[in-house]
Protein backbone atom coordinates (compact mmCIF):
# COMPACT_ATOMS: atom_id res chain seq x y z
CA MET A 1 5.10 39.05 -12.16
CA LYS A 2 7.64 39.35 -14.84
CA SER A 3 8.04 36.93 -17.64
CA SER A 4 9.28 36.45 -21.43
CA MET A 5 8.30 33.63 -23.55
CA LYS A 6 8.65 32.28 -27.03
CA THR A 7 5.12 31.14 -28.57
CA PRO A 8 4.84 28.46 -30.97
CA ASP A 9 2.94 29.20 -34.04
CA LYS A 10 -0.41 27.64 -34.96
CA ASP A 11 1.39 24.81 -37.05
CA GLY A 12 3.27 23.89 -33.70
CA GLU A 13 0.15 23.42 -32.02
CA LYS A 14 -0.09 20.01 -33.42
CA LYS A 15 3.13 18.91 -31.46
CA ALA A 16 2.97 16.49 -28.62
CA ASP A 17 1.46 18.04 -25.30
CA LYS A 18 4.62 17.67 -23.60
CA ASP A 19 5.92 20.97 -25.35
CA LEU A 20 5.32 23.54 -22.49
CA THR A 21 5.68 27.11 -23.81
CA LYS A 22 8.97 27.20 -24.49
CA GLN A 23 11.94 29.08 -22.57
CA VAL A 24 9.53 30.55 -19.80
CA LYS A 25 11.53 32.57 -17.40
CA ILE A 26 9.30 33.42 -14.40
CA SER A 27 9.98 35.64 -11.41
CA GLU A 28 7.85 37.24 -8.68
CA GLY A 29 8.75 41.04 -9.32
CA VAL A 30 12.15 40.29 -7.87
CA GLU A 31 15.02 41.22 -10.87
CA GLN A 32 17.02 38.34 -11.98
CA SER A 33 20.77 38.34 -12.40
CA ASN A 34 23.23 36.09 -13.95
CA SER A 35 24.33 33.18 -12.40
CA SER A 36 27.73 31.87 -12.18
CA GLY A 37 29.67 29.03 -11.03
CA SER A 38 28.84 25.96 -9.31
CA SER A 39 28.52 21.93 -9.60
CA VAL A 40 27.04 20.82 -6.56
CA HIS A 41 23.70 20.03 -6.55
CA GLU A 42 21.33 18.99 -3.55
CA LEU A 43 18.39 16.35 -3.62
CA ILE A 44 15.59 16.44 -1.42
CA ASN A 45 16.29 16.57 2.53
CA GLY A 46 19.94 17.29 1.65
CA PHE A 47 20.34 13.82 -0.16
CA ASN A 48 23.13 14.98 -2.75
CA ARG A 49 26.08 17.10 -1.97
CA SER A 50 29.01 18.44 -4.15
CA PRO A 51 30.91 16.21 -6.27
CA SER A 52 33.92 18.51 -6.94
CA PRO A 53 37.00 17.76 -4.93
CA PRO A 54 37.53 19.66 -1.78
CA ALA A 55 40.64 22.00 -1.32
CA PRO A 56 43.80 20.37 0.03
CA ARG A 57 41.91 18.21 2.72
CA LYS A 58 40.93 14.46 2.16
CA ARG A 59 37.37 14.54 0.44
CA LEU A 60 34.62 13.49 2.85
CA ARG A 61 31.11 13.49 1.57
CA THR A 62 27.79 11.62 3.03
CA VAL A 63 25.46 11.28 0.25
CA SER A 64 21.92 9.86 -0.18
CA GLY A 65 19.36 9.03 -3.06
CA SER A 66 20.30 7.51 -6.16
CA GLY A 67 23.84 7.95 -5.35
CA SER A 68 24.93 6.97 -2.25
CA LYS A 69 25.02 4.15 0.31
CA ALA A 70 23.22 6.36 3.02
CA GLU A 71 19.91 5.84 1.26
CA HIS A 72 16.78 7.33 2.15
CA HIS A 73 13.92 6.29 -0.44
CA LEU A 74 10.78 7.27 2.00
CA LEU A 75 10.64 10.93 1.89
CA THR A 76 8.13 12.72 4.64
CA THR A 77 6.75 16.07 3.33
CA LYS A 78 6.11 18.83 5.18
CA SER A 79 2.16 17.36 5.41
CA GLY A 80 3.25 14.42 6.54
CA ARG A 81 2.41 12.23 3.34
CA LYS A 82 4.86 9.32 2.55
CA ILE A 83 6.59 9.88 -0.82
CA TYR A 84 8.64 6.83 -2.19
CA THR A 85 11.59 8.15 -4.16
CA LYS A 86 13.13 4.91 -5.51
CA GLY A 87 10.09 4.36 -7.80
CA ARG A 88 7.93 1.15 -7.72
CA PRO A 89 7.95 -2.00 -9.62
CA PRO A 90 6.08 -2.62 -12.76
CA TRP A 91 2.31 -2.77 -12.12
CA TYR A 92 -0.25 -3.73 -13.95
CA ASP A 93 -4.26 -2.96 -14.59
CA LYS A 94 -6.73 -6.05 -14.45
CA LYS A 95 -6.15 -6.64 -18.23
CA GLY A 96 -2.50 -7.00 -17.82
CA ASN A 97 -1.44 -3.80 -19.38
CA THR A 98 1.20 -1.90 -18.33
CA LEU A 99 0.82 1.66 -16.93
CA LYS A 100 1.45 4.54 -19.19
CA GLN A 101 4.97 5.98 -19.67
CA PRO A 102 6.30 8.02 -17.11
CA TYR A 103 6.35 11.96 -16.96
CA VAL A 104 10.09 12.86 -16.96
CA ILE A 105 11.43 16.11 -15.14
CA GLY A 106 14.85 17.18 -15.41
CA ILE A 107 16.35 19.76 -13.51
CA CYS A 108 19.40 21.28 -13.89
CA GLY A 109 21.29 24.03 -12.21
CA GLY A 110 24.49 25.32 -10.58
CA SER A 111 25.73 24.52 -6.99
CA ALA A 112 23.34 25.80 -4.18
CA SER A 113 20.97 26.98 -6.50
CA GLY A 114 18.01 25.42 -5.07
CA LYS A 115 17.31 22.51 -7.25
CA THR A 116 16.71 20.55 -3.59
CA THR A 117 13.79 22.95 -2.66
CA VAL A 118 12.27 22.87 -6.10
CA ALA A 119 12.56 19.08 -6.49
CA GLU A 120 10.84 18.87 -3.01
CA LYS A 121 8.07 21.30 -3.65
CA ILE A 122 6.93 19.71 -7.06
CA ILE A 123 7.13 16.32 -5.30
CA GLU A 124 5.07 17.74 -2.31
CA LYS A 125 2.26 19.82 -4.39
CA LEU A 126 1.93 16.85 -7.14
CA GLU A 127 0.63 14.53 -4.33
CA ILE A 128 1.73 11.26 -6.13
CA PRO A 129 2.88 8.52 -3.38
CA TRP A 130 5.53 7.27 -6.31
CA VAL A 131 8.28 9.06 -7.92
CA THR A 132 11.83 8.01 -9.23
CA ILE A 133 14.85 10.29 -8.34
CA LEU A 134 17.74 9.85 -10.43
CA SER A 135 20.75 12.20 -9.55
CA MET A 136 23.96 12.15 -11.72
CA ASP A 137 26.04 11.51 -8.69
CA SER A 138 25.48 7.76 -8.99
CA PHE A 139 27.08 8.24 -12.89
CA TYR A 140 30.78 8.95 -11.96
CA LYS A 141 33.24 7.22 -13.72
CA VAL A 142 35.59 4.87 -11.73
CA LEU A 143 39.02 6.48 -11.59
CA ASN A 144 41.95 4.88 -12.91
CA ASP A 145 45.41 5.25 -10.42
CA GLU A 146 46.66 8.63 -11.88
CA GLU A 147 43.06 10.14 -11.40
CA HIS A 148 42.70 9.13 -8.06
CA LYS A 149 46.16 10.63 -7.28
CA GLN A 150 44.85 13.88 -8.95
CA ALA A 151 41.68 13.75 -6.68
CA GLU A 152 43.68 13.62 -3.53
CA GLU A 153 45.71 16.61 -4.52
CA SER A 154 42.39 18.68 -5.69
CA ASN A 155 43.70 18.62 -9.16
CA TYR A 156 41.17 16.19 -10.82
CA ASN A 157 37.99 18.27 -12.33
CA PHE A 158 34.71 16.33 -11.06
CA ASP A 159 32.73 19.41 -12.62
CA HIS A 160 33.69 18.46 -16.17
CA PRO A 161 31.29 16.14 -18.55
CA ASN A 162 34.35 13.51 -18.81
CA ALA A 163 33.75 12.83 -15.24
CA PHE A 164 30.41 11.08 -16.10
CA ASP A 165 29.37 7.82 -17.79
CA PHE A 166 26.92 9.59 -20.04
CA ASP A 167 26.42 6.30 -21.80
CA LEU A 168 25.45 4.23 -18.63
CA LEU A 169 23.07 7.13 -17.32
CA GLN A 170 21.33 7.40 -20.75
CA GLU A 171 20.81 3.59 -20.76
CA THR A 172 19.44 3.32 -17.17
CA LEU A 173 17.10 6.19 -17.95
CA ALA A 174 15.79 4.99 -20.79
CA ARG A 175 14.83 1.74 -19.06
CA LEU A 176 13.05 3.63 -15.81
CA ARG A 177 11.22 5.65 -18.61
CA GLU A 178 10.02 2.41 -19.84
CA GLY A 179 8.94 1.21 -16.43
CA LYS A 180 11.55 -1.71 -16.08
CA SER A 181 13.66 -2.14 -13.03
CA CYS A 182 17.92 -1.52 -13.39
CA GLU A 183 20.82 -1.55 -11.32
CA VAL A 184 22.03 2.25 -10.34
CA PRO A 185 25.46 2.38 -9.37
CA VAL A 186 26.28 3.65 -5.74
CA TYR A 187 29.52 5.51 -5.97
CA ASP A 188 31.78 6.34 -2.93
CA PHE A 189 32.93 9.53 -3.06
CA THR A 190 35.44 8.67 -0.09
CA THR A 191 37.34 6.09 -2.34
CA HIS A 192 36.11 7.17 -5.80
CA ALA A 193 34.75 4.00 -6.71
CA ARG A 194 31.71 2.45 -7.08
CA ASP A 195 30.26 -0.16 -4.15
CA HIS A 196 30.02 -3.59 -5.21
CA ASN A 197 26.27 -3.87 -4.38
CA PRO A 198 24.26 -1.68 -6.89
CA LYS A 199 20.81 -0.53 -5.87
CA ILE A 200 17.61 -1.45 -7.60
CA MET A 201 15.67 1.00 -9.11
CA TYR A 202 12.16 1.49 -10.87
CA GLY A 203 9.94 3.40 -12.86
CA ALA A 204 7.36 5.53 -11.64
CA ASP A 205 4.47 8.06 -12.87
CA VAL A 206 6.72 10.83 -12.46
CA LEU A 207 10.86 10.33 -12.80
CA ILE A 208 12.72 13.32 -11.64
CA PHE A 209 16.36 13.24 -13.13
CA GLU A 210 18.54 16.12 -11.45
CA GLY A 211 22.02 16.63 -11.89
CA ILE A 212 24.83 19.38 -12.54
CA LEU A 213 25.23 18.80 -16.35
CA ALA A 214 21.36 17.04 -16.76
CA PHE A 215 21.18 18.94 -20.25
CA HIS A 216 24.63 18.45 -21.41
CA ARG A 217 23.52 15.66 -23.94
CA PRO A 218 21.00 16.38 -26.45
CA GLU A 219 20.12 12.59 -26.84
CA ILE A 220 19.16 12.63 -22.87
CA ASN A 221 17.10 15.68 -23.28
CA LYS A 222 14.92 14.29 -25.89
CA MET A 223 13.85 12.19 -23.30
CA MET A 224 12.59 14.67 -20.87
CA ASP A 225 9.07 16.16 -21.22
CA MET A 226 9.77 18.86 -19.14
CA LYS A 227 13.49 20.71 -18.84
CA VAL A 228 13.77 22.87 -15.45
CA PHE A 229 16.58 25.37 -14.75
CA VAL A 230 17.11 26.62 -11.43
CA ASP A 231 18.88 29.92 -11.56
CA THR A 232 20.06 31.95 -8.46
CA ASP A 233 22.44 34.83 -8.03
CA GLY A 234 26.10 33.59 -7.99
CA ASP A 235 27.25 35.68 -4.72
CA LEU A 236 24.45 33.95 -3.27
CA ARG A 237 25.27 30.38 -4.19
CA LEU A 238 28.80 31.03 -3.32
CA SER A 239 27.95 31.81 0.16
CA ARG A 240 25.71 29.04 0.61
CA ARG A 241 28.73 26.87 -0.53
CA LEU A 242 31.21 28.72 1.57
CA ASN A 243 28.73 28.22 4.74
CA ARG A 244 28.41 24.53 3.78
CA ASP A 245 32.12 23.41 3.39
CA ILE A 246 33.14 25.08 6.36
CA ASN A 247 30.65 24.63 8.81
CA GLU A 248 29.50 20.94 7.80
CA ARG A 249 32.73 19.58 6.43
CA ALA A 250 35.47 21.44 8.45
CA ARG A 251 37.18 23.28 5.50
CA ASP A 252 39.20 25.98 5.40
CA LEU A 253 37.93 29.40 3.60
CA ASN A 254 40.93 29.67 1.26
CA GLY A 255 40.68 26.00 0.15
CA VAL A 256 37.05 26.30 -0.33
CA LEU A 257 37.70 29.55 -2.51
CA GLU A 258 40.38 28.19 -4.66
CA GLN A 259 38.47 25.30 -5.64
CA TYR A 260 35.47 27.10 -6.42
CA PHE A 261 37.29 29.72 -8.99
CA ARG A 262 39.81 26.75 -10.26
CA PHE A 263 37.04 24.48 -11.16
CA VAL A 264 33.43 25.01 -10.32
CA LYS A 265 33.11 28.56 -11.77
CA PRO A 266 34.91 28.01 -15.02
CA ALA A 267 32.74 24.66 -15.12
CA PHE A 268 29.21 26.31 -14.60
CA GLU A 269 30.14 29.13 -17.58
CA SER A 270 31.40 26.51 -19.88
CA TYR A 271 28.82 23.58 -19.56
CA ILE A 272 26.21 24.26 -16.86
CA ALA A 273 24.78 27.53 -17.63
CA PRO A 274 24.34 26.74 -21.47
CA GLY A 275 21.86 24.70 -20.41
CA MET A 276 19.44 27.59 -19.87
CA LYS A 277 19.22 27.57 -23.87
CA ALA A 278 17.66 23.54 -23.54
CA ALA A 279 15.23 24.56 -20.52
CA ASP A 280 11.52 25.04 -21.24
CA ILE A 281 11.21 26.76 -17.87
CA ILE A 282 14.03 28.92 -15.97
CA VAL A 283 13.04 29.29 -12.37
CA PRO A 284 15.06 32.20 -10.71
CA ARG A 285 15.46 32.10 -7.00
CA GLY A 286 14.87 28.06 -6.84
CA GLY A 287 12.36 27.04 -4.12
CA GLU A 288 11.47 30.60 -3.38
CA ASN A 289 9.65 31.08 -6.63
CA ASP A 290 6.15 29.84 -5.83
CA VAL A 291 4.60 30.91 -9.04
CA ALA A 292 7.17 28.83 -11.05
CA ILE A 293 6.61 26.04 -8.89
CA ASN A 294 2.60 26.02 -9.50
CA LEU A 295 3.04 26.39 -12.98
CA ILE A 296 5.28 23.15 -13.64
CA VAL A 297 3.14 21.34 -10.75
CA LYS A 298 -0.33 22.20 -12.77
CA GLN A 299 1.63 21.45 -16.41
CA VAL A 300 2.86 17.96 -15.07
CA MET A 301 -0.87 16.86 -13.92
CA THR A 302 -2.24 18.21 -16.80
CA GLN A 303 0.08 15.97 -18.96
CA LEU A 304 -0.56 12.83 -16.28
CA ILE A 305 -4.51 13.15 -16.62
CA LYS A 306 -3.94 13.15 -20.44
CA ARG A 307 -1.52 9.81 -20.13
CA GLY A 308 -4.17 8.02 -18.27
CA TYR A 309 -3.37 8.77 -14.91
CA ASP A 310 -5.51 8.13 -12.10
CA GLN A 311 -4.77 8.67 -8.51
CA SER A 312 -8.14 6.18 -7.66
CA ALA A 313 -7.36 3.41 -9.94
CA SER A 314 -5.92 1.56 -7.28
CA ALA A 315 -8.62 1.93 -4.81
CA LYS A 316 -11.03 1.40 -7.54
CA TYR A 317 -9.76 -2.35 -8.46
CA ARG A 318 -9.42 -3.15 -4.81
CA GLN A 319 -12.99 -2.17 -4.59
CA GLU A 320 -14.10 -4.54 -7.28
CA LEU A 321 -12.15 -7.38 -5.73
CA ILE A 322 -13.94 -6.91 -2.41
CA CYS A 323 -17.49 -6.97 -4.25
CA ARG A 324 -16.71 -10.19 -6.25
CA GLY A 325 -18.20 -12.01 -3.08
CA PRO A 326 -17.22 -15.64 -2.40
CA MET A 327 -14.69 -17.62 -4.51
CA VAL A 328 -16.38 -19.86 -6.95
CA ASP A 329 -16.79 -23.72 -6.56
CA ASP A 330 -14.79 -24.52 -9.44
CA ALA A 331 -11.68 -23.03 -8.00
CA PRO A 332 -8.53 -25.01 -9.15
CA GLN A 333 -7.78 -28.51 -7.26
CA ASN A 334 -4.47 -27.03 -6.20
CA LEU A 335 -5.93 -24.17 -4.81
CA ILE A 336 -5.69 -24.71 -0.64
CA LEU A 337 -7.68 -21.92 1.29
CA ILE A 338 -6.68 -21.17 4.78
CA GLU A 339 -9.01 -21.85 7.45
CA GLN A 340 -10.57 -18.40 8.36
CA THR A 341 -10.05 -19.07 11.92
CA PRO A 342 -10.89 -16.11 14.55
CA GLN A 343 -7.03 -15.39 14.50
CA VAL A 344 -6.87 -15.15 10.82
CA ARG A 345 -10.20 -13.14 10.51
CA GLY A 346 -8.68 -10.67 13.18
CA LEU A 347 -5.31 -10.20 11.32
CA HIS A 348 -7.28 -9.55 8.09
CA THR A 349 -9.49 -6.97 10.11
CA PHE A 350 -6.22 -4.86 10.82
CA ILE A 351 -4.71 -5.11 7.72
CA ARG A 352 -7.85 -3.92 5.83
CA ASP A 353 -8.46 -1.16 8.29
CA ARG A 354 -7.80 2.34 6.69
CA ARG A 355 -7.22 3.59 10.17
CA THR A 356 -4.29 0.89 10.79
CA LYS A 357 -0.70 2.58 10.75
CA ARG A 358 1.68 1.73 8.69
CA ASP A 359 4.09 -0.18 11.05
CA ASP A 360 1.16 -2.12 12.37
CA ILE A 361 0.14 -3.29 8.67
CA ILE A 362 3.44 -4.48 8.22
CA PHE A 363 3.61 -6.45 11.73
CA TYR A 364 0.24 -7.84 11.09
CA SER A 365 1.10 -8.79 7.74
CA GLU A 366 4.18 -10.74 8.43
CA ARG A 367 2.36 -12.62 11.05
CA LEU A 368 -0.21 -13.36 8.42
CA THR A 369 2.64 -14.46 6.10
CA ARG A 370 3.93 -17.09 8.92
CA ILE A 371 0.75 -18.62 9.45
CA LEU A 372 0.55 -18.94 5.34
CA ILE A 373 3.98 -20.43 5.28
CA GLU A 374 3.26 -22.71 8.53
CA GLU A 375 0.37 -24.18 6.54
CA ALA A 376 2.33 -24.95 3.17
CA MET A 377 4.80 -26.95 5.37
CA ASN A 378 1.79 -29.27 6.10
CA PHE A 379 1.87 -30.30 2.29
CA MET A 380 6.01 -30.89 2.32
CA PRO A 381 6.98 -34.51 1.71
CA TYR A 382 8.07 -36.16 5.16
CA THR A 383 9.75 -39.63 6.00
CA GLU A 384 9.79 -41.16 9.33
CA LYS A 385 12.97 -40.45 11.28
CA GLU A 386 13.81 -42.26 14.45
CA ILE A 387 15.32 -40.06 17.38
CA GLU A 388 16.63 -40.66 20.93
CA LEU A 389 15.29 -38.51 23.65
CA SER A 390 16.82 -37.34 26.81
CA ASN A 391 15.61 -40.09 28.77
CA ARG A 392 17.51 -42.57 26.13
CA GLN A 393 13.94 -43.89 25.04
CA LYS A 394 13.76 -44.14 21.37
CA GLU A 395 10.91 -42.50 19.19
CA ILE A 396 9.66 -42.19 15.53
CA GLY A 397 9.19 -39.10 14.29
CA LEU A 398 8.97 -36.77 11.07
CA ARG A 399 11.63 -34.87 8.92
CA LYS A 400 11.20 -33.21 5.66
CA ASN A 401 13.17 -35.33 2.81
CA THR A 402 13.50 -32.48 0.77
CA GLN A 403 15.10 -29.08 0.46
CA ILE A 404 13.15 -25.76 -0.05
CA CYS A 405 14.36 -22.74 -2.54
CA GLY A 406 12.98 -19.41 -2.05
CA VAL A 407 12.88 -17.11 -5.15
CA ALA A 408 12.54 -13.27 -4.23
CA ILE A 409 10.68 -11.45 -6.57
CA MET A 410 10.55 -7.85 -6.19
CA ARG A 411 7.77 -6.19 -4.51
CA ALA A 412 5.94 -9.34 -4.12
CA GLY A 413 8.46 -12.37 -2.54
CA GLU A 414 10.45 -9.66 -0.76
CA THR A 415 7.61 -9.30 1.84
CA MET A 416 7.69 -12.90 2.52
CA GLU A 417 11.13 -13.46 3.06
CA ASN A 418 11.51 -12.93 6.41
CA SER A 419 8.69 -15.12 7.67
CA LEU A 420 10.02 -17.75 5.32
CA ARG A 421 13.42 -17.62 6.97
CA ALA A 422 11.93 -17.55 10.62
CA ILE A 423 9.98 -20.92 9.80
CA VAL A 424 12.48 -22.85 7.42
CA LYS A 425 15.83 -22.21 8.83
CA ASP A 426 17.73 -23.89 5.96
CA CYS A 427 15.96 -22.27 3.34
CA LYS A 428 17.91 -20.94 0.61
CA VAL A 429 16.86 -17.68 -0.79
CA LEU A 430 17.81 -16.67 -4.62
CA PHE A 431 18.05 -12.95 -5.95
CA PRO A 432 17.48 -13.21 -9.62
CA LYS A 433 20.23 -10.78 -11.04
CA ILE A 434 18.82 -8.09 -13.52
CA LYS A 435 20.02 -8.05 -16.74
CA ARG A 436 20.38 -5.18 -18.97
CA ILE A 437 18.47 -5.37 -22.28
């Protein structure tokens, strides 16, 4: 292994533990060459593709992750583990305290440098079920008429810093870092406009922010606990780009090369490559560098433990609830318990069985939710209503004399929405709009 590093002095040891040995470059006996040109970045399982304009053809693109309509927020690793890449709503411990501040990893690098593989391997080796992956692709500026025309003619530079809304990006990253939910734009790369329906993302124990210009703004760099630059030989990245654009996007060779040398390579040399100076770790050859990946994972886990992260905490709190025994006799008068019928106990058995599959848990939970809502309907105010039967006879029945309105509370109320709509057909469900503070 060959490495070069700048070690801190003794006084510097008092700095925050997040300061990993500054500017570490790690390889596994393979000589590193200088990188050149690219802005395209990829996210887990091919989530993100190049934001750069194509050569003469109209730009067609399917993107996932935080910046597209085709969202896949559940990642299954090679070992079969489920990783939720959209984060999760704020959780609190039994004392009402919020979780610790998430560990923020910034990943920067050129097109086809291996950022996708690096991010995937970090998540897989961390074995943490909740992460937030935020992509710079979500924060492209909305183009005006003149810029739209330039984009159609392949004359708009999507690799320049001016193409991004860094103010909104910084605000969003700050909220996620605080564990708050926020609206993240969904950018449509075919129309070069933001979708009218932004998506909700949440903070998590680990927040990964990736993009071609992830290290461009110093204020954003200060939010990161670790900055990783993925550096791969420029010829290799160009060959990957050619293979992708020609085979997957049906572009011609000359058009891809013209786009690369006109926009992508100059932008890399001017704006992306300087990010290596801000990086804590430089990873040559991307995801193939297992030594670098293991170092990153080890450092992240060390810092998470120091911040109070405990993978067994949720199981421990759940066990405490189980061991509390039956509810006390002086329960609130407005608390009504559903009768523990064989059906209810059977549903509880499936839900609490550790061997029950995820899809089955969802099915039985929705069934139990229906029983809950059906029981609640017995306490609604009803008035007598005379109706006429099919045989013309009159009969007195009951009809509720008030309206039901549901409010979808993230993570809690959303799980009951389908059952509520199935039982109360005329129920209105409100979705509170999240305001940025």
